[in-house]
N, C-alpha and C. Protein backbone atom coordinates (compact mmCIF):
# COMPACT_ATOMS: atom_id res chain seq x y z
N MET A 1 185.91 14.22 42.08
CA MET A 1 185.06 15.55 41.91
C MET A 1 185.89 16.22 40.92
N GLU A 2 185.16 16.88 39.92
CA GLU A 2 185.82 17.67 38.72
C GLU A 2 185.81 18.94 39.47
N HIS A 3 187.08 19.91 39.06
CA HIS A 3 186.97 21.24 39.57
C HIS A 3 186.58 22.13 38.54
N MET A 4 185.74 22.79 38.62
CA MET A 4 184.89 23.71 37.73
C MET A 4 185.70 25.00 37.73
N PRO A 5 186.29 25.67 36.67
CA PRO A 5 187.04 26.74 36.48
C PRO A 5 185.99 27.91 37.19
N GLN A 6 186.87 28.95 37.89
CA GLN A 6 185.95 30.08 38.33
C GLN A 6 185.68 31.13 37.19
N PRO A 7 184.73 31.84 37.24
CA PRO A 7 184.37 32.89 36.23
C PRO A 7 185.21 33.71 36.37
N PRO A 8 185.74 34.60 35.46
CA PRO A 8 186.50 35.82 35.26
C PRO A 8 185.70 37.13 36.09
N THR A 9 184.59 37.01 36.21
CA THR A 9 183.66 38.34 36.73
C THR A 9 182.76 37.74 37.56
N ALA A 10 182.26 38.68 38.49
CA ALA A 10 181.14 38.39 39.20
C ALA A 10 180.28 39.86 39.60
N PHE A 11 179.37 39.86 40.59
CA PHE A 11 178.67 41.13 40.63
C PHE A 11 178.40 41.42 41.94
N LYS A 12 178.52 42.64 42.26
CA LYS A 12 178.06 43.50 43.33
C LYS A 12 176.73 44.16 43.45
N ILE A 13 175.96 43.91 44.28
CA ILE A 13 174.71 44.90 44.18
C ILE A 13 174.66 46.20 44.99
N LEU A 14 174.53 47.06 44.62
CA LEU A 14 174.66 48.24 45.68
C LEU A 14 173.27 48.90 45.53
N THR A 15 172.92 49.69 46.64
CA THR A 15 171.81 50.59 46.51
C THR A 15 172.51 52.03 45.99
N ALA A 16 171.57 52.74 45.12
CA ALA A 16 171.66 53.85 44.50
C ALA A 16 172.95 55.07 45.22
N ALA A 17 172.74 55.31 46.62
CA ALA A 17 173.45 55.83 47.28
C ALA A 17 174.97 55.19 47.39
N GLN A 18 175.04 53.87 47.89
CA GLN A 18 176.41 53.25 47.96
C GLN A 18 176.85 53.27 46.48
N TRP A 19 176.32 53.11 45.33
CA TRP A 19 176.83 53.55 44.30
C TRP A 19 177.48 55.08 43.74
N ALA A 20 176.67 56.00 44.45
CA ALA A 20 176.99 57.30 44.16
C ALA A 20 178.29 57.40 44.98
N GLN A 21 178.49 56.90 46.17
CA GLN A 21 179.57 57.24 47.19
C GLN A 21 180.70 56.29 46.49
N PHE A 22 180.50 55.42 45.99
CA PHE A 22 181.63 54.51 45.38
C PHE A 22 182.22 55.23 44.19
N GLU A 23 181.51 55.92 43.47
CA GLU A 23 181.69 56.64 42.38
C GLU A 23 182.59 57.84 42.78
N ALA A 24 182.14 58.37 43.79
CA ALA A 24 182.84 59.72 44.34
C ALA A 24 184.21 59.33 45.14
N ASP A 25 184.16 58.22 45.87
CA ASP A 25 185.65 57.94 46.16
C ASP A 25 186.41 56.97 45.47
N GLY A 26 185.99 56.32 44.51
CA GLY A 26 186.77 55.65 43.63
C GLY A 26 187.14 54.27 44.58
N VAL A 27 186.50 54.00 45.43
CA VAL A 27 186.84 52.71 46.21
C VAL A 27 185.41 52.40 47.19
N PHE A 28 185.13 51.29 47.07
CA PHE A 28 184.13 50.71 47.91
C PHE A 28 184.56 49.72 48.94
N GLN A 29 184.34 50.16 50.43
CA GLN A 29 184.89 49.33 51.56
C GLN A 29 183.81 48.38 51.83
N GLY A 30 182.71 48.39 51.45
CA GLY A 30 181.73 47.38 51.75
C GLY A 30 180.25 48.19 52.43
N ALA A 31 179.33 47.50 52.05
CA ALA A 31 177.86 47.71 52.56
C ALA A 31 178.14 47.39 54.35
N PRO A 32 177.10 47.59 54.88
CA PRO A 32 176.86 47.22 56.34
C PRO A 32 176.85 45.62 56.81
N VAL A 33 176.47 44.63 55.80
CA VAL A 33 176.55 43.44 55.70
C VAL A 33 177.95 42.89 55.56
N ASP A 34 178.55 43.56 54.65
CA ASP A 34 179.96 43.40 54.33
C ASP A 34 181.04 43.68 55.47
N LEU A 35 180.74 44.97 55.93
CA LEU A 35 181.39 45.25 57.25
C LEU A 35 181.40 44.17 58.26
N ALA A 36 180.07 43.82 58.49
CA ALA A 36 179.93 43.08 59.67
C ALA A 36 180.64 41.62 59.34
N ASP A 37 180.40 41.14 57.97
CA ASP A 37 181.06 40.12 57.79
C ASP A 37 182.57 39.59 57.63
N GLY A 38 183.15 41.10 57.52
CA GLY A 38 184.76 41.02 57.22
C GLY A 38 185.12 40.87 55.87
N TYR A 39 184.15 40.80 54.84
CA TYR A 39 184.29 40.68 53.44
C TYR A 39 183.50 41.45 52.63
N ILE A 40 183.55 41.52 51.18
CA ILE A 40 182.72 42.18 50.35
C ILE A 40 182.09 40.94 49.65
N HIS A 41 180.64 40.85 49.78
CA HIS A 41 180.02 39.79 48.93
C HIS A 41 179.59 39.91 47.53
N LEU A 42 180.02 39.01 46.86
CA LEU A 42 179.86 39.18 45.39
C LEU A 42 179.00 38.02 44.94
N SER A 43 178.23 37.87 43.89
CA SER A 43 177.63 36.92 43.15
C SER A 43 178.07 36.47 41.91
N THR A 44 178.15 35.36 41.55
CA THR A 44 178.31 35.18 40.08
C THR A 44 177.04 35.20 39.31
N GLN A 45 177.22 35.35 38.11
CA GLN A 45 175.98 35.61 37.12
C GLN A 45 174.82 34.58 37.70
N ASP A 46 175.06 33.30 37.80
CA ASP A 46 174.07 32.10 38.03
C ASP A 46 173.52 32.20 39.45
N GLN A 47 174.31 33.05 40.40
CA GLN A 47 173.87 33.21 41.86
C GLN A 47 173.04 34.68 41.85
N LEU A 48 173.17 35.54 40.84
CA LEU A 48 172.85 36.93 41.01
C LEU A 48 171.25 37.23 41.33
N GLN A 49 170.39 36.35 40.82
CA GLN A 49 169.17 36.44 40.90
C GLN A 49 168.67 35.88 42.25
N GLY A 50 169.08 34.94 42.53
CA GLY A 50 169.09 34.27 44.18
C GLY A 50 169.48 35.30 45.28
N THR A 51 170.33 36.16 44.73
CA THR A 51 170.81 37.21 45.82
C THR A 51 169.92 38.17 46.01
N LEU A 52 169.45 38.65 44.57
CA LEU A 52 168.46 39.96 44.76
C LEU A 52 167.09 39.40 45.30
N ASP A 53 166.55 38.10 45.01
CA ASP A 53 165.56 37.73 45.75
C ASP A 53 165.76 37.70 47.14
N LYS A 54 166.88 37.06 47.63
CA LYS A 54 167.00 36.90 49.16
C LYS A 54 167.11 38.22 50.00
N HIS A 55 168.23 39.02 49.31
CA HIS A 55 168.66 39.92 50.11
C HIS A 55 168.09 41.54 49.77
N PHE A 56 167.23 41.62 48.37
CA PHE A 56 167.11 42.89 48.15
C PHE A 56 165.74 43.03 47.47
N ALA A 57 164.95 41.84 48.06
CA ALA A 57 163.67 41.97 47.48
C ALA A 57 162.69 43.39 47.63
N GLY A 58 161.97 43.91 46.47
CA GLY A 58 161.27 45.09 46.67
C GLY A 58 162.12 46.47 46.80
N GLN A 59 163.19 46.34 46.62
CA GLN A 59 164.15 47.52 46.81
C GLN A 59 164.31 48.20 45.32
N ASP A 60 164.06 49.51 45.48
CA ASP A 60 164.23 50.21 43.91
C ASP A 60 165.58 50.62 44.03
N GLY A 61 165.88 51.16 42.40
CA GLY A 61 167.06 51.76 42.25
C GLY A 61 168.48 51.15 42.64
N LEU A 62 168.10 50.03 42.54
CA LEU A 62 169.71 49.00 42.60
C LEU A 62 170.69 49.22 41.55
N VAL A 63 171.94 49.26 41.76
CA VAL A 63 173.17 49.26 40.73
C VAL A 63 173.57 47.64 40.88
N ILE A 64 173.81 47.12 39.80
CA ILE A 64 174.40 46.10 39.83
C ILE A 64 175.58 46.05 39.15
N ALA A 65 176.91 46.04 39.78
CA ALA A 65 178.57 46.28 39.16
C ALA A 65 179.04 45.04 38.77
N GLU A 66 179.46 44.88 37.64
CA GLU A 66 180.06 43.70 37.05
C GLU A 66 181.71 44.02 37.54
N VAL A 67 182.45 42.78 38.19
CA VAL A 67 183.55 43.26 38.79
C VAL A 67 184.47 42.10 38.26
N ASP A 68 185.54 42.76 37.86
CA ASP A 68 186.92 41.90 37.04
C ASP A 68 187.69 41.30 38.11
N LEU A 69 187.33 39.92 38.45
CA LEU A 69 187.98 39.12 39.34
C LEU A 69 189.51 38.82 39.29
N THR A 70 189.74 38.86 37.83
CA THR A 70 191.27 38.78 37.61
C THR A 70 192.16 40.02 38.24
N ALA A 71 191.61 41.19 38.24
CA ALA A 71 192.21 42.55 38.89
C ALA A 71 192.34 42.48 40.43
N LEU A 72 191.44 41.38 40.79
CA LEU A 72 191.47 41.16 42.29
C LEU A 72 192.03 39.94 42.79
N LYS A 73 192.47 39.11 41.93
CA LYS A 73 192.69 37.67 42.59
C LYS A 73 193.47 37.64 43.78
N ASP A 74 194.16 38.20 44.03
CA ASP A 74 194.96 38.20 45.44
C ASP A 74 193.94 38.33 46.58
N VAL A 75 192.89 39.02 46.24
CA VAL A 75 191.89 39.20 47.80
C VAL A 75 190.58 38.58 47.58
N ILE A 76 190.66 37.71 46.44
CA ILE A 76 189.31 36.84 46.17
C ILE A 76 189.33 35.63 46.75
N LYS A 77 188.65 35.12 47.78
CA LYS A 77 188.32 33.85 47.90
C LYS A 77 186.99 33.25 47.77
N TRP A 78 186.80 32.10 47.14
CA TRP A 78 185.80 31.39 47.03
C TRP A 78 185.29 30.47 48.29
N GLU A 79 184.19 30.87 48.69
CA GLU A 79 183.82 30.19 49.77
C GLU A 79 182.38 29.71 49.89
N PRO A 80 181.99 28.48 50.77
CA PRO A 80 180.81 28.01 50.55
C PRO A 80 179.71 28.98 51.20
N SER A 81 178.55 29.17 50.60
CA SER A 81 177.38 29.83 51.28
C SER A 81 176.04 29.09 50.94
N ARG A 82 175.24 30.02 50.44
CA ARG A 82 173.65 29.79 50.24
C ARG A 82 173.75 28.13 49.36
N GLY A 83 173.25 27.27 49.96
CA GLY A 83 173.21 25.79 49.50
C GLY A 83 174.39 25.18 49.40
N GLY A 84 175.56 25.67 49.98
CA GLY A 84 176.84 24.94 49.81
C GLY A 84 177.50 25.59 48.37
N ALA A 85 176.83 26.44 47.81
CA ALA A 85 177.63 26.99 46.61
C ALA A 85 178.75 27.88 46.81
N LEU A 86 179.84 27.98 46.10
CA LEU A 86 180.92 28.58 46.17
C LEU A 86 180.75 30.07 45.76
N PHE A 87 180.75 30.88 46.71
CA PHE A 87 180.74 32.50 46.32
C PHE A 87 181.78 33.20 46.35
N PRO A 88 182.00 34.11 45.64
CA PRO A 88 183.44 34.95 45.70
C PRO A 88 183.25 36.13 46.91
N HIS A 89 184.47 35.99 47.75
CA HIS A 89 184.48 37.27 48.68
C HIS A 89 185.62 37.86 48.36
N ILE A 90 185.50 39.18 48.57
CA ILE A 90 186.39 40.16 48.77
C ILE A 90 187.16 40.41 49.91
N TYR A 91 188.45 40.07 50.28
CA TYR A 91 188.95 40.40 51.59
C TYR A 91 189.85 41.76 51.41
N GLY A 92 189.23 42.80 51.28
CA GLY A 92 189.82 44.11 51.07
C GLY A 92 188.98 44.93 50.55
N ASP A 93 189.13 46.01 49.95
CA ASP A 93 188.38 47.20 49.40
C ASP A 93 188.26 46.67 47.98
N LEU A 94 187.19 47.20 47.23
CA LEU A 94 186.70 47.06 46.00
C LEU A 94 187.20 48.56 45.31
N PRO A 95 188.34 48.60 44.33
CA PRO A 95 188.42 49.88 43.78
C PRO A 95 187.62 49.79 42.23
N ILE A 96 187.45 50.99 42.04
CA ILE A 96 186.16 51.45 41.00
C ILE A 96 187.06 50.75 39.53
N ARG A 97 188.36 50.85 39.75
CA ARG A 97 188.98 50.37 38.29
C ARG A 97 188.70 49.11 38.31
N ALA A 98 188.32 48.11 39.15
CA ALA A 98 188.03 46.66 38.91
C ALA A 98 186.42 46.52 38.18
N ILE A 99 185.77 47.58 38.12
CA ILE A 99 184.45 47.66 37.84
C ILE A 99 184.32 47.80 36.13
N ILE A 100 183.99 46.76 35.44
CA ILE A 100 184.20 46.68 34.11
C ILE A 100 182.63 46.86 33.30
N GLY A 101 181.49 47.19 34.29
CA GLY A 101 180.30 47.56 33.73
C GLY A 101 179.28 47.56 34.81
N HIS A 102 178.15 48.32 34.52
CA HIS A 102 177.06 48.18 35.67
C HIS A 102 175.87 48.54 34.88
N LEU A 103 174.66 48.23 35.53
CA LEU A 103 173.47 48.62 35.32
C LEU A 103 172.42 48.88 36.46
N THR A 104 171.66 49.69 36.13
CA THR A 104 170.79 50.16 37.20
C THR A 104 169.56 49.28 37.25
N GLN A 105 169.10 48.58 38.14
CA GLN A 105 168.06 47.78 38.08
C GLN A 105 166.63 48.66 38.83
N ILE A 106 165.51 48.41 37.92
CA ILE A 106 164.64 49.56 38.61
C ILE A 106 164.00 48.73 39.81
N LYS A 107 163.69 47.71 39.91
CA LYS A 107 163.28 46.81 40.96
C LYS A 107 163.85 45.29 41.23
N ALA A 108 164.25 44.86 42.38
CA ALA A 108 164.64 43.65 42.78
C ALA A 108 163.40 42.78 42.54
């Protein structure tokens, strides 16, 4: 089985309130689901729409932050999740310096 290289970036979906707090604090410690699971959930570009559909359907004002995984290489683990696909998980805090871009999604 051929090993596919992992992408250099992934995405974190946040509510508007979570994003505002992230900007104010300079660090994101996780959404309630992240705190419950013990890591911060991220999605690759290919996984993003499925995550929006499954976990954020109908929500307004979401912010999709692009995360530089190379800046977090020591705390990223790729683990199987939905459908056995490998998802990037952050075992630690997400610093604002690792965000390389973001966009506001009108509705999921």
